[in-house]
């Protein structure tokens, strides 16, 4: 699994399992939107530090 797949899996899991049905999914969506514009994704940075291999979108 590379970083691209791990970020999508993490975002999907947080949205599906969130007890805060509106707050956390809104935060995840806003984070994904800003990552698509700026290219900086905090989740990708954290996953890279944990040793997940780089993907083609989030390097």
C-alpha atoms as a PDB file:
ATOM      1  CA  UNK A   1       0.000   0.000   0.000  1.00  0.00           C
ATOM      2  CA  UNK A   2       1.424   3.389  -0.919  1.00  0.00           C
ATOM      3  CA  UNK A   3       0.721   6.813   0.629  1.00  0.00           C
ATOM      4  CA  UNK A   4      -2.028   7.666  -1.877  1.00  0.00           C
ATOM      5  CA  UNK A   5      -3.989   4.537  -1.009  1.00  0.00           C
ATOM      6  CA  UNK A   6      -3.303   4.914   2.719  1.00  0.00           C
ATOM      7  CA  UNK A   7      -4.574   8.522   2.790  1.00  0.00           C
ATOM      8  CA  UNK A   8      -7.783   7.532   1.001  1.00  0.00           C
ATOM      9  CA  UNK A   9      -8.265   4.546   3.325  1.00  0.00           C
ATOM     10  CA  UNK A  10      -7.674   6.721   6.388  1.00  0.00           C
ATOM     11  CA  UNK A  11     -10.089   9.413   5.177  1.00  0.00           C
ATOM     12  CA  UNK A  12     -12.783   6.868   4.335  1.00  0.00           C
ATOM     13  CA  UNK A  13     -12.403   5.092   7.660  1.00  0.00           C
ATOM     14  CA  UNK A  14     -12.611   8.333   9.630  1.00  0.00           C
ATOM     15  CA  UNK A  15     -15.737   9.402   7.756  1.00  0.00           C
ATOM     16  CA  UNK A  16     -17.491   6.033   8.145  1.00  0.00           C
ATOM     17  CA  UNK A  17     -16.617   5.422  11.796  1.00  0.00           C
ATOM     18  CA  UNK A  18     -17.012   8.960  13.081  1.00  0.00           C
ATOM     19  CA  UNK A  19     -19.392   9.402  16.016  1.00  0.00           C
ATOM     20  CA  UNK A  20     -19.492  13.099  15.076  1.00  0.00           C
ATOM     21  CA  UNK A  21     -21.431  12.679  11.841  1.00  0.00           C
ATOM     22  CA  UNK A  22     -20.922  16.235  10.584  1.00  0.00           C
ATOM     23  CA  UNK A  23     -17.843  17.683  12.259  1.00  0.00           C
ATOM     24  CA  UNK A  24     -15.148  15.101  11.464  1.00  0.00           C
ATOM     25  CA  UNK A  25     -16.257  14.386   7.868  1.00  0.00           C
ATOM     26  CA  UNK A  26     -16.322  18.150   7.215  1.00  0.00           C
ATOM     27  CA  UNK A  27     -12.757  18.415   8.550  1.00  0.00           C
ATOM     28  CA  UNK A  28     -11.611  15.438   6.458  1.00  0.00           C
ATOM     29  CA  UNK A  29     -13.238  16.894   3.341  1.00  0.00           C
ATOM     30  CA  UNK A  30     -11.694  20.326   3.937  1.00  0.00           C
ATOM     31  CA  UNK A  31      -8.294  18.718   4.454  1.00  0.00           C
ATOM     32  CA  UNK A  32      -8.596  16.714   1.224  1.00  0.00           C
ATOM     33  CA  UNK A  33      -9.625  19.860  -0.661  1.00  0.00           C
ATOM     34  CA  UNK A  34      -6.692  21.913   0.640  1.00  0.00           C
ATOM     35  CA  UNK A  35      -4.316  19.018  -0.098  1.00  0.00           C
ATOM     36  CA  UNK A  36      -5.519  18.916  -3.708  1.00  0.00           C
ATOM     37  CA  UNK A  37      -4.827  22.647  -4.068  1.00  0.00           C
ATOM     38  CA  UNK A  38      -1.581  23.017  -2.110  1.00  0.00           C
ATOM     39  CA  UNK A  39      -0.101  19.531  -2.457  1.00  0.00           C
ATOM     40  CA  UNK A  40       0.545  19.430   1.303  1.00  0.00           C
ATOM     41  CA  UNK A  41      -1.291  16.700   3.196  1.00  0.00           C
ATOM     42  CA  UNK A  42      -0.645  16.301   6.930  1.00  0.00           C
ATOM     43  CA  UNK A  43      -1.826  12.685   6.825  1.00  0.00           C
ATOM     44  CA  UNK A  44       0.668  11.909   4.042  1.00  0.00           C
ATOM     45  CA  UNK A  45       3.480  13.482   6.059  1.00  0.00           C
ATOM     46  CA  UNK A  46       2.571  11.370   9.096  1.00  0.00           C
ATOM     47  CA  UNK A  47       2.265   8.180   7.034  1.00  0.00           C
ATOM     48  CA  UNK A  48       5.614   8.855   5.339  1.00  0.00           C
ATOM     49  CA  UNK A  49       7.253   9.139   8.771  1.00  0.00           C
ATOM     50  CA  UNK A  50       5.713   5.763   9.659  1.00  0.00           C
ATOM     51  CA  UNK A  51       7.469   4.222   6.661  1.00  0.00           C
ATOM     52  CA  UNK A  52       4.676   3.967   4.084  1.00  0.00           C
ATOM     53  CA  UNK A  53       6.098   4.056   0.552  1.00  0.00           C
ATOM     54  CA  UNK A  54       5.496   7.070  -1.700  1.00  0.00           C
ATOM     55  CA  UNK A  55       2.754   7.061  -4.301  1.00  0.00           C
ATOM     56  CA  UNK A  56       2.464   9.081  -7.493  1.00  0.00           C
ATOM     57  CA  UNK A  57       0.123  11.814  -6.182  1.00  0.00           C
ATOM     58  CA  UNK A  58       1.511  12.617  -2.720  1.00  0.00           C
ATOM     59  CA  UNK A  59       5.305  12.638  -2.761  1.00  0.00           C
END
